[in-house]
Amino acid sequence: MSEYWPLLAGGSWSPSDHAVAVTDPDTGELVGQVAVAGRAETEAALAAAVKSMQGPRWPASERAAVLNHAADRISHADEKFAQLIAAEGIKTIREARKEAVRAAHTLRLSAAAALSSSGAAPPADDRPGTAGWRGSVHRQPVGVVVAITPYNDPLNLVAHKVGPALAAGNAVIVKPDERAPLSALLLARALCDAGLPAGRLSVLPGDASVASSMIADARVRFVSFTGGRRVGALVHRTAGLKRMLMELGGICPTILMADTDLDVAVPALVDGAFGAAGQNCLHVQRILIHRSLYAEARERLIEATELVLGGLKSREDSDMGPLIDWAALQRVSKLVEDARDRGAVVLSGGDTDGPRYLPTLLENIPDTADLAHEEVFGPVTGLEAFDNTAQAIEMANRGGGGIHAGVFTRSLEVAETLATALDFGGVVIGGTSDRRSDALPFGGTGYAGLGREGVVYAADAMAELKTVLRVG
């Protein structure tokens, strides 16, 4: 698999003056050499994207056909995609297979979105003096979209940006994370082979300067970013008045009410806490447990955590892979050590194992610890007890907004109360925070993001609504 990967700039697969090695974070082995974009490649991508938007409009039927054909290509080669996802990233092969299947589904949802109507307009003759007025609303492409994607879902998160952008008739330039850029290039190959017009898609691996130059460029009309809040703030400042979608992460809790079925909840919690080694914006970082259930839930979670099997990602029996690099491993280690030094109790894990951080449960994390306020982005989860519903809501809502919260309860009334009161973009009833539908709106409240993804909603965000008013 250690081949040279050209980048895609303006419809051409091209080498560049520079290349970087993409290595397996599990073993350090070379996965591939990838061409890195510089000024020339960035300009070629931007110029081609602008040119592709000129002339006759790209018909919706053709957009849908390309997206469906690309989805078929992923489905027919899903094991190839899965092996690449696992090799360059942090997912086990079983996790990678699920991502490949989801990416094909995301493109099919995008194809359906391309064919959807923009909807009816309200009556235009709504006040005196407007008799005979008629109005219609047309959805048009916003223009050139720049998409900046992270390493943790190197295929499906790219599909979630590229698919809606193309569905709305735009051109899109992807800047994937430089540590895991190959899956994005393989997706681009599937789209090109499916008949995507030249210039509609570019994929430019490279460092942050590649993204910065495009974000600031006046030819770019829309920026879609998934990543951390610190970098997100920089992207926002650089973009200025451009339209944006931003998914900035946060701390996701899951609440266990007194009537929780632990036989259902415990396996789901362990999966949500340690899937993708916790490198997931929906990672279960906090488990809030009703005090009457706390002792039993605590013991069962410790037992289940200690059964999580770390190992080479390529092994079929591995439950959890590595962190993406040494810096990520050190960051998680420091967060846990700081919490422990300030009084947190480590119930399981709390140490490194080669490129992995052991699945870790803590309790009594004090508010003075950084771990109480920062997204850990690693396999670390804290347990907390609460006494009543109001207290659970108050505890969960600390943090200035978030993406998802999970709730386990058998009471419809309690579920409805929590769904309304929790300050999160989504509330999962009967599951952990680590669940989402690729079709439904997805994003965070407060500082966790701007706007909503989810294929149809992202496609709408990447479109301009034009009002046509016929007077008389």
Protein backbone atom coordinates (compact mmCIF):
# COMPACT_ATOMS: atom_id res chain seq x y z
CA MET A 1 0.00 0.00 0.00
CA SER A 2 3.05 2.30 0.25
CA GLU A 3 2.58 4.05 -3.11
CA TYR A 4 2.92 7.64 -4.26
CA TRP A 5 -0.37 9.54 -4.16
CA PRO A 6 -0.74 12.57 -6.44
CA LEU A 7 -3.09 15.33 -5.37
CA LEU A 8 -6.18 16.42 -7.27
CA ALA A 9 -6.05 20.07 -8.35
CA GLY A 10 -8.50 21.50 -10.82
CA GLY A 11 -9.43 18.21 -12.42
CA SER A 12 -5.86 16.95 -12.83
CA TRP A 13 -4.08 14.31 -10.78
CA SER A 14 -0.69 15.89 -10.27
CA PRO A 15 2.56 15.36 -8.42
CA SER A 16 4.04 18.36 -6.63
CA ASP A 17 7.44 19.66 -5.67
CA HIS A 18 7.03 18.24 -2.20
CA ALA A 19 5.70 15.03 -0.72
CA VAL A 20 5.24 13.81 2.82
CA ALA A 21 5.10 10.34 4.29
CA VAL A 22 1.82 9.04 5.67
CA THR A 23 2.57 6.48 8.36
CA ASP A 24 0.48 4.01 10.30
CA PRO A 25 0.19 5.42 13.85
CA ASP A 26 -0.05 1.87 15.13
CA THR A 27 3.18 0.50 13.70
CA GLY A 28 5.04 3.46 12.22
CA GLU A 29 5.09 1.70 8.85
CA LEU A 30 4.88 3.75 5.67
CA VAL A 31 1.39 3.75 4.16
CA GLY A 32 2.14 6.08 1.28
CA GLN A 33 3.87 9.19 0.02
CA VAL A 34 1.44 11.99 -0.77
CA ALA A 35 1.95 15.08 -2.88
CA VAL A 36 1.65 18.29 -0.86
CA ALA A 37 -0.03 21.37 -2.25
CA GLY A 38 1.84 24.63 -2.62
CA ARG A 39 0.85 27.99 -4.07
CA ALA A 40 0.70 26.71 -7.64
CA GLU A 41 -1.58 23.78 -6.82
CA THR A 42 -3.80 25.93 -4.61
CA GLU A 43 -4.21 28.54 -7.34
CA ALA A 44 -4.95 25.84 -9.92
CA ALA A 45 -7.67 24.41 -7.70
CA LEU A 46 -9.25 27.80 -7.03
CA ALA A 47 -9.14 28.89 -10.68
CA ALA A 48 -10.64 25.61 -11.87
CA ALA A 49 -13.36 25.76 -9.22
CA VAL A 50 -14.38 29.25 -10.30
CA LYS A 51 -14.34 28.26 -13.97
CA SER A 52 -16.48 25.19 -13.30
CA MET A 53 -19.17 27.42 -11.81
CA GLN A 54 -19.40 29.52 -14.98
CA GLY A 55 -21.56 28.70 -17.95
CA PRO A 56 -24.68 26.51 -17.94
CA ARG A 57 -25.91 25.26 -14.58
CA TRP A 58 -24.96 21.69 -13.70
CA PRO A 59 -28.26 19.76 -13.90
CA ALA A 60 -29.54 18.17 -10.72
CA SER A 61 -30.05 14.84 -12.47
CA GLU A 62 -26.38 14.73 -13.44
CA ARG A 63 -25.28 15.67 -9.92
CA ALA A 64 -27.39 12.86 -8.47
CA ALA A 65 -26.09 10.36 -11.02
CA VAL A 66 -22.45 11.14 -10.20
CA LEU A 67 -23.05 10.85 -6.47
CA ASN A 68 -24.96 7.57 -6.81
CA HIS A 69 -22.32 6.09 -9.12
CA ALA A 70 -19.56 7.08 -6.69
CA ALA A 71 -21.50 5.48 -3.84
CA ASP A 72 -21.72 2.28 -5.86
CA ARG A 73 -17.97 2.36 -6.43
CA ILE A 74 -17.33 2.65 -2.71
CA SER A 75 -19.73 -0.20 -1.98
CA HIS A 76 -18.08 -2.44 -4.57
CA ALA A 77 -14.62 -1.69 -3.15
CA ASP A 78 -15.58 -1.25 0.50
CA GLU A 79 -12.83 -3.53 1.80
CA LYS A 80 -10.21 -1.49 -0.07
CA PHE A 81 -11.56 1.69 1.48
CA ALA A 82 -11.72 0.06 4.93
CA GLN A 83 -8.13 -1.17 4.76
CA LEU A 84 -6.93 2.33 3.86
CA ILE A 85 -8.99 3.99 6.62
CA ALA A 86 -7.49 1.60 9.15
CA ALA A 87 -3.94 1.86 7.81
CA GLU A 88 -3.61 5.65 7.82
CA GLY A 89 -5.81 6.43 10.82
CA ILE A 90 -6.86 5.35 14.27
CA LYS A 91 -9.71 2.95 13.61
CA THR A 92 -9.64 -0.82 13.91
CA ILE A 93 -10.49 -2.71 10.76
CA ARG A 94 -13.98 -3.46 12.11
CA GLU A 95 -14.57 0.24 12.78
CA ALA A 96 -13.16 1.14 9.37
CA ARG A 97 -15.56 -1.20 7.58
CA LYS A 98 -18.49 0.56 9.21
CA GLU A 99 -17.14 3.92 8.08
CA ALA A 100 -16.83 2.77 4.48
CA VAL A 101 -20.46 1.62 4.48
CA ARG A 102 -21.59 4.92 6.00
CA ALA A 103 -19.67 6.97 3.43
CA ALA A 104 -21.49 5.25 0.57
CA HIS A 105 -24.78 5.94 2.35
CA THR A 106 -23.83 9.59 2.81
CA LEU A 107 -23.27 9.98 -0.92
CA ARG A 108 -26.63 8.35 -1.66
CA LEU A 109 -28.32 10.77 0.72
CA SER A 110 -26.52 13.56 -1.12
CA ALA A 111 -27.82 12.29 -4.46
CA ALA A 112 -31.36 12.42 -3.09
CA ALA A 113 -30.74 15.94 -1.79
CA ALA A 114 -29.67 17.05 -5.27
CA LEU A 115 -33.11 16.13 -6.58
CA SER A 116 -35.13 17.66 -3.75
CA SER A 117 -37.19 20.78 -4.34
CA SER A 118 -36.37 24.09 -2.69
CA GLY A 119 -39.96 24.28 -1.45
CA ALA A 120 -42.93 26.55 -2.00
CA ALA A 121 -42.92 30.26 -1.25
CA PRO A 122 -45.47 32.00 1.00
CA PRO A 123 -48.13 34.09 -0.78
CA ALA A 124 -46.71 37.39 -2.04
CA ASP A 125 -50.09 39.19 -1.98
CA ASP A 126 -50.07 39.30 1.81
CA ARG A 127 -50.85 42.99 2.44
CA PRO A 128 -52.92 45.78 0.90
CA GLY A 129 -51.64 47.01 -2.43
CA THR A 130 -50.05 43.67 -3.43
CA ALA A 131 -52.98 42.13 -5.29
CA GLY A 132 -51.76 39.97 -8.14
CA TRP A 133 -48.20 39.69 -6.84
CA ARG A 134 -46.62 36.26 -7.17
CA GLY A 135 -43.41 35.02 -5.64
CA SER A 136 -41.15 32.03 -6.08
CA VAL A 137 -37.97 30.95 -4.33
CA HIS A 138 -35.10 29.31 -6.21
CA ARG A 139 -32.16 27.48 -4.68
CA GLN A 140 -28.85 28.22 -6.41
CA PRO A 141 -25.27 27.16 -5.70
CA VAL A 142 -23.35 29.35 -3.29
CA GLY A 143 -20.14 28.98 -5.33
CA VAL A 144 -16.72 27.72 -4.27
CA VAL A 145 -16.71 25.75 -1.01
CA VAL A 146 -13.59 25.01 1.04
CA ALA A 147 -13.87 21.98 3.33
CA ILE A 148 -11.36 21.33 6.12
CA THR A 149 -11.58 17.83 7.57
CA PRO A 150 -10.01 16.00 10.54
CA TYR A 151 -8.23 12.67 10.80
CA ASN A 152 -10.66 10.68 12.90
CA ASP A 153 -13.22 9.91 10.15
CA PRO A 154 -11.04 10.39 7.07
CA LEU A 155 -13.65 9.11 4.61
CA ASN A 156 -17.16 9.73 5.93
CA LEU A 157 -16.54 13.24 7.24
CA VAL A 158 -15.12 14.17 3.85
CA ALA A 159 -18.21 12.66 2.23
CA HIS A 160 -20.37 14.74 4.57
CA LYS A 161 -18.83 17.91 3.17
CA VAL A 162 -18.23 16.97 -0.45
CA GLY A 163 -21.58 15.22 -0.99
CA PRO A 164 -23.84 18.12 0.07
CA ALA A 165 -21.60 20.69 -1.65
CA LEU A 166 -21.88 18.84 -4.96
CA ALA A 167 -25.57 18.11 -4.41
CA ALA A 168 -26.20 21.87 -4.20
CA GLY A 169 -24.27 22.38 -7.45
CA ASN A 170 -21.10 23.87 -6.00
CA ALA A 171 -17.40 23.31 -6.56
CA VAL A 172 -15.53 22.10 -3.48
CA ILE A 173 -11.88 22.05 -2.45
CA VAL A 174 -10.96 19.67 0.37
CA LYS A 175 -8.03 20.21 2.67
CA PRO A 176 -7.79 16.90 4.61
CA ASP A 177 -5.79 16.44 7.78
CA GLU A 178 -2.18 15.95 6.72
CA ARG A 179 -1.88 12.90 8.98
CA ALA A 180 -4.64 10.96 7.19
CA PRO A 181 -5.24 12.41 3.70
CA LEU A 182 -5.35 9.26 1.59
CA SER A 183 -8.97 8.24 2.14
CA ALA A 184 -10.07 11.66 0.84
CA LEU A 185 -8.02 11.11 -2.31
CA LEU A 186 -9.51 7.64 -2.79
CA LEU A 187 -13.01 9.15 -2.44
CA ALA A 188 -12.09 11.79 -5.01
CA ARG A 189 -10.96 9.03 -7.37
CA ALA A 190 -14.36 7.35 -7.03
CA LEU A 191 -16.14 10.61 -7.80
CA CYS A 192 -13.94 11.36 -10.82
CA ASP A 193 -14.42 7.84 -12.17
CA ALA A 194 -18.17 8.33 -11.70
CA GLY A 195 -18.14 11.23 -14.15
CA LEU A 196 -17.61 14.29 -11.96
CA PRO A 197 -16.94 17.33 -14.20
CA ALA A 198 -13.39 18.67 -14.08
CA GLY A 199 -12.81 21.45 -11.59
CA ARG A 200 -15.76 20.60 -9.36
CA LEU A 201 -13.51 18.85 -6.83
CA SER A 202 -9.94 19.27 -5.67
CA VAL A 203 -8.17 17.55 -2.77
CA LEU A 204 -5.10 19.39 -1.50
CA PRO A 205 -3.07 17.69 1.24
CA GLY A 206 -0.79 20.04 3.08
CA ASP A 207 -0.25 22.03 6.23
CA ALA A 208 -2.37 24.79 7.74
CA SER A 209 -1.04 27.41 5.33
CA VAL A 210 -2.89 25.70 2.47
CA ALA A 211 -6.19 26.08 4.27
CA SER A 212 -5.45 29.63 5.44
CA SER A 213 -4.73 30.91 1.96
CA MET A 214 -7.98 29.50 0.59
CA ILE A 215 -10.12 30.60 3.54
CA ALA A 216 -8.94 34.18 3.07
CA ASP A 217 -9.40 34.15 -0.73
CA ALA A 218 -12.28 36.30 -1.99
CA ARG A 219 -13.21 33.66 -4.58
CA VAL A 220 -14.24 31.28 -1.80
CA ARG A 221 -17.87 31.80 -0.78
CA PHE A 222 -18.31 29.13 1.90
CA VAL A 223 -16.12 27.39 4.50
CA SER A 224 -17.00 24.09 6.17
CA PHE A 225 -14.74 23.17 9.07
CA THR A 226 -14.62 20.28 11.53
CA GLY A 227 -12.04 20.48 14.28
CA GLY A 228 -11.19 21.98 17.65
CA ARG A 229 -12.40 25.28 19.06
CA ARG A 230 -8.99 26.97 19.10
CA VAL A 231 -8.37 26.33 15.41
CA GLY A 232 -12.02 27.02 14.67
CA ALA A 233 -11.71 30.50 16.14
CA LEU A 234 -8.71 31.15 13.88
CA VAL A 235 -10.61 29.88 10.84
CA HIS A 236 -13.54 32.15 11.71
CA ARG A 237 -11.30 35.21 11.98
CA THR A 238 -9.54 34.40 8.73
CA ALA A 239 -12.76 33.79 6.80
CA GLY A 240 -14.33 37.08 7.79
CA LEU A 241 -17.86 37.50 6.43
CA LYS A 242 -17.95 34.25 4.47
CA ARG A 243 -20.77 31.84 5.18
CA MET A 244 -19.70 28.92 7.33
CA LEU A 245 -20.53 25.58 8.87
CA MET A 246 -18.37 24.75 11.87
CA GLU A 247 -18.37 21.66 14.07
CA LEU A 248 -16.11 22.45 17.01
CA GLY A 249 -16.60 19.58 19.43
CA GLY A 250 -17.07 19.72 23.16
CA ILE A 251 -17.72 17.48 26.13
CA CYS A 252 -20.57 15.03 25.59
CA PRO A 253 -22.38 13.52 28.60
CA THR A 254 -24.67 10.52 28.90
CA ILE A 255 -27.21 10.44 31.75
CA LEU A 256 -28.31 7.25 33.51
CA MET A 257 -31.57 7.78 35.36
CA ALA A 258 -32.55 5.53 38.29
CA ASP A 259 -34.63 3.24 36.03
CA THR A 260 -31.81 2.57 33.55
CA ASP A 261 -31.41 -0.99 32.29
CA LEU A 262 -27.70 -1.51 32.88
CA ASP A 263 -27.66 -4.60 30.66
CA VAL A 264 -28.40 -2.24 27.78
CA ALA A 265 -26.54 0.83 28.96
CA VAL A 266 -23.15 -0.56 30.01
CA PRO A 267 -22.14 -2.10 26.65
CA ALA A 268 -23.33 1.03 24.84
CA LEU A 269 -21.37 3.28 27.20
CA VAL A 270 -18.16 1.30 26.79
CA ASP A 271 -18.54 1.46 23.02
CA GLY A 272 -19.23 5.20 23.15
CA ALA A 273 -16.34 5.87 25.51
CA PHE A 274 -13.64 3.83 23.77
CA GLY A 275 -14.71 3.51 20.14
CA ALA A 276 -12.11 5.10 17.84
CA ALA A 277 -9.98 5.34 21.02
CA GLY A 278 -12.16 8.24 22.10
CA GLN A 279 -11.08 10.39 19.14
CA ASN A 280 -14.60 11.34 18.26
CA CYS A 281 -16.59 14.54 18.73
CA LEU A 282 -19.45 12.45 20.18
CA HIS A 283 -17.20 10.54 22.57
CA VAL A 284 -18.85 9.81 25.93
CA GLN A 285 -16.57 11.88 28.15
CA ARG A 286 -18.94 12.14 31.12
CA ILE A 287 -21.31 9.51 32.53
CA LEU A 288 -23.81 11.03 34.95
CA ILE A 289 -25.39 8.32 37.11
CA HIS A 290 -28.33 8.55 39.52
CA ARG A 291 -26.95 8.01 43.01
CA SER A 292 -29.22 5.02 43.67
CA LEU A 293 -27.61 3.26 40.69
CA TYR A 294 -24.08 4.59 41.05
CA ALA A 295 -22.36 1.75 42.93
CA GLU A 296 -23.67 -0.99 40.67
CA ALA A 297 -23.08 0.99 37.46
CA ARG A 298 -19.56 1.89 38.60
CA GLU A 299 -18.56 -1.71 39.19
CA ARG A 300 -20.08 -2.95 35.96
CA LEU A 301 -18.41 -0.21 33.95
CA ILE A 302 -15.03 -1.01 35.50
CA GLU A 303 -15.44 -4.69 34.63
CA ALA A 304 -16.51 -3.94 31.05
CA THR A 305 -13.70 -1.41 30.56
CA GLU A 306 -11.07 -3.93 31.58
CA LEU A 307 -12.35 -6.30 28.89
CA VAL A 308 -11.74 -3.79 26.07
CA LEU A 309 -9.04 -5.35 23.93
CA GLY A 310 -6.37 -3.10 22.50
CA GLY A 311 -4.18 -4.42 19.75
CA LEU A 312 -3.07 -3.95 16.18
CA LYS A 313 -5.84 -2.32 14.16
CA SER A 314 -5.55 -4.99 11.51
CA ARG A 315 -6.57 -7.74 13.96
CA GLU A 316 -10.21 -8.74 13.76
CA ASP A 317 -10.48 -9.06 17.55
CA SER A 318 -9.05 -5.62 18.40
CA ASP A 319 -11.54 -3.30 20.07
CA MET A 320 -9.46 -0.15 20.17
CA GLY A 321 -6.65 1.34 18.12
CA PRO A 322 -3.99 3.97 18.87
CA LEU A 323 -4.02 7.72 19.22
CA ILE A 324 -3.10 9.52 16.02
CA ASP A 325 0.42 10.58 17.08
CA TRP A 326 2.80 11.10 19.96
CA ALA A 327 1.57 14.65 20.60
CA ALA A 328 -2.01 13.41 21.04
CA LEU A 329 -0.82 10.68 23.38
CA GLN A 330 1.11 13.17 25.49
CA ARG A 331 -1.84 15.56 25.65
CA VAL A 332 -4.20 12.87 26.97
CA SER A 333 -1.59 11.71 29.45
CA LYS A 334 -1.14 15.23 30.80
CA LEU A 335 -4.88 15.77 31.17
CA VAL A 336 -5.26 12.57 33.17
CA GLU A 337 -2.18 13.24 35.32
CA ASP A 338 -3.38 16.77 36.06
CA ALA A 339 -6.79 15.43 37.12
CA ARG A 340 -5.18 12.74 39.29
CA ASP A 341 -2.86 15.26 40.93
CA ARG A 342 -5.90 17.38 41.80
CA GLY A 343 -7.78 14.51 43.44
CA ALA A 344 -9.44 12.46 40.70
CA VAL A 345 -9.50 8.70 41.27
CA VAL A 346 -8.44 6.40 38.43
CA LEU A 347 -10.75 3.38 38.43
CA SER A 348 -9.22 1.67 35.39
CA GLY A 349 -6.41 2.44 32.95
CA GLY A 350 -4.65 5.74 33.38
CA ASP A 351 -1.49 4.84 31.50
CA THR A 352 0.00 4.40 28.04
CA ASP A 353 0.68 1.20 26.14
CA GLY A 354 2.91 1.97 23.17
CA PRO A 355 0.92 4.25 20.83
CA ARG A 356 -2.27 3.63 22.82
CA TYR A 357 -3.73 5.17 25.89
CA LEU A 358 -5.40 2.50 27.99
CA PRO A 359 -9.21 2.66 28.28
CA THR A 360 -9.59 4.85 31.34
CA LEU A 361 -12.37 5.51 33.85
CA LEU A 362 -12.09 8.19 36.51
CA GLU A 363 -14.29 9.60 39.25
CA ASN A 364 -14.17 12.66 41.48
CA ILE A 365 -12.70 14.86 38.74
CA PRO A 366 -12.51 18.31 40.37
CA ASP A 367 -13.63 21.47 38.62
CA THR A 368 -10.06 22.76 38.90
CA ALA A 369 -8.80 20.04 36.54
CA ASP A 370 -8.43 20.84 32.85
CA LEU A 371 -10.14 17.53 32.10
CA ALA A 372 -13.36 18.92 33.58
CA HIS A 373 -13.48 21.64 30.91
CA GLU A 374 -11.59 20.36 27.86
CA GLU A 375 -12.56 17.80 25.25
CA VAL A 376 -10.10 14.98 25.89
CA PHE A 377 -10.24 13.39 22.41
CA GLY A 378 -8.97 10.14 23.86
CA PRO A 379 -10.27 7.02 25.63
CA VAL A 380 -10.95 8.71 28.96
CA THR A 381 -14.33 8.99 30.68
CA GLY A 382 -15.38 10.36 34.05
CA LEU A 383 -18.18 9.11 36.33
CA GLU A 384 -20.35 11.49 38.36
CA ALA A 385 -23.34 10.96 40.66
CA PHE A 386 -26.51 13.06 40.77
CA ASP A 387 -29.60 13.01 42.99
CA ASN A 388 -32.47 14.24 40.83
CA THR A 389 -33.42 15.28 37.31
CA ALA A 390 -32.85 18.98 37.88
CA GLN A 391 -29.33 18.30 39.14
CA ALA A 392 -28.59 16.03 36.16
CA ILE A 393 -29.64 18.82 33.79
CA GLU A 394 -27.53 21.40 35.58
CA MET A 395 -24.46 19.14 35.58
CA ALA A 396 -24.85 18.15 31.93
CA ASN A 397 -25.27 21.75 30.77
CA ARG A 398 -21.97 22.94 32.20
CA GLY A 399 -19.66 23.86 29.36
CA GLY A 400 -21.37 26.45 27.19
CA GLY A 401 -23.17 24.15 24.78
CA GLY A 402 -22.41 20.87 23.09
CA ILE A 403 -23.16 18.53 20.23
CA HIS A 404 -24.91 15.50 21.73
CA ALA A 405 -26.10 14.20 25.06
CA GLY A 406 -27.33 10.67 25.73
CA VAL A 407 -30.14 9.64 28.06
CA PHE A 408 -31.11 6.26 29.47
CA THR A 409 -34.55 6.14 31.10
CA ARG A 410 -37.74 4.13 30.75
CA SER A 411 -39.91 7.15 31.53
CA LEU A 412 -41.36 9.00 28.56
CA GLU A 413 -42.04 12.03 30.73
CA VAL A 414 -38.44 12.21 31.99
CA ALA A 415 -37.10 11.67 28.47
CA GLU A 416 -39.18 14.56 27.16
CA THR A 417 -38.08 16.80 30.03
CA LEU A 418 -34.41 16.09 29.37
CA ALA A 419 -34.74 16.42 25.60
CA THR A 420 -36.14 19.92 26.08
CA ALA A 421 -33.82 21.11 28.86
CA LEU A 422 -30.42 19.81 27.74
CA ASP A 423 -28.36 22.47 25.93
CA PHE A 424 -27.09 20.28 23.11
CA GLY A 425 -27.62 20.10 19.37
CA GLY A 426 -28.97 16.58 19.71
CA VAL A 427 -30.32 14.40 22.52
CA VAL A 428 -30.20 10.62 22.11
CA ILE A 429 -32.92 8.83 24.07
CA GLY A 430 -32.10 5.21 24.86
CA GLY A 431 -28.50 5.54 23.72
CA THR A 432 -25.25 7.36 24.39
CA SER A 433 -24.08 10.66 22.95
CA ASP A 434 -22.09 8.62 20.43
CA ARG A 435 -25.01 8.06 18.05
CA ARG A 436 -26.06 10.07 15.03
CA SER A 437 -28.12 9.79 11.89
CA ASP A 438 -26.35 10.93 8.75
CA ALA A 439 -29.68 12.26 7.48
CA LEU A 440 -30.69 14.41 10.47
CA PRO A 441 -29.32 17.83 11.50
CA PHE A 442 -25.97 17.57 13.24
CA GLY A 443 -24.08 20.25 15.10
CA GLY A 444 -23.58 21.95 18.41
CA THR A 445 -25.09 24.73 20.49
CA GLY A 446 -23.10 27.57 21.99
CA TYR A 447 -19.38 27.27 21.43
CA ALA A 448 -19.71 23.77 19.96
CA GLY A 449 -20.37 24.98 16.44
CA LEU A 450 -22.13 27.13 13.87
CA GLY A 451 -24.96 25.81 11.74
CA ARG A 452 -25.95 22.20 11.15
CA GLU A 453 -24.60 19.40 9.02
CA GLY A 454 -26.64 16.35 8.09
CA VAL A 455 -26.81 15.94 4.32
CA VAL A 456 -30.00 17.81 3.43
CA TYR A 457 -29.31 20.59 5.93
CA ALA A 458 -25.72 21.04 4.79
CA ALA A 459 -26.84 21.16 1.16
CA ASP A 460 -29.36 23.87 2.05
CA ALA A 461 -26.67 25.83 3.89
CA MET A 462 -24.45 25.62 0.81
CA ALA A 463 -27.14 27.14 -1.42
CA GLU A 464 -28.32 30.68 -2.05
CA LEU A 465 -32.04 31.33 -1.93
CA LYS A 466 -33.09 33.71 -4.69
CA THR A 467 -36.51 35.35 -4.52
CA VAL A 468 -38.27 36.13 -7.79
CA LEU A 469 -41.18 38.53 -7.31
CA ARG A 470 -43.66 39.11 -10.15
CA VAL A 471 -45.56 42.35 -9.60
CA GLY A 472 -48.91 42.99 -11.30
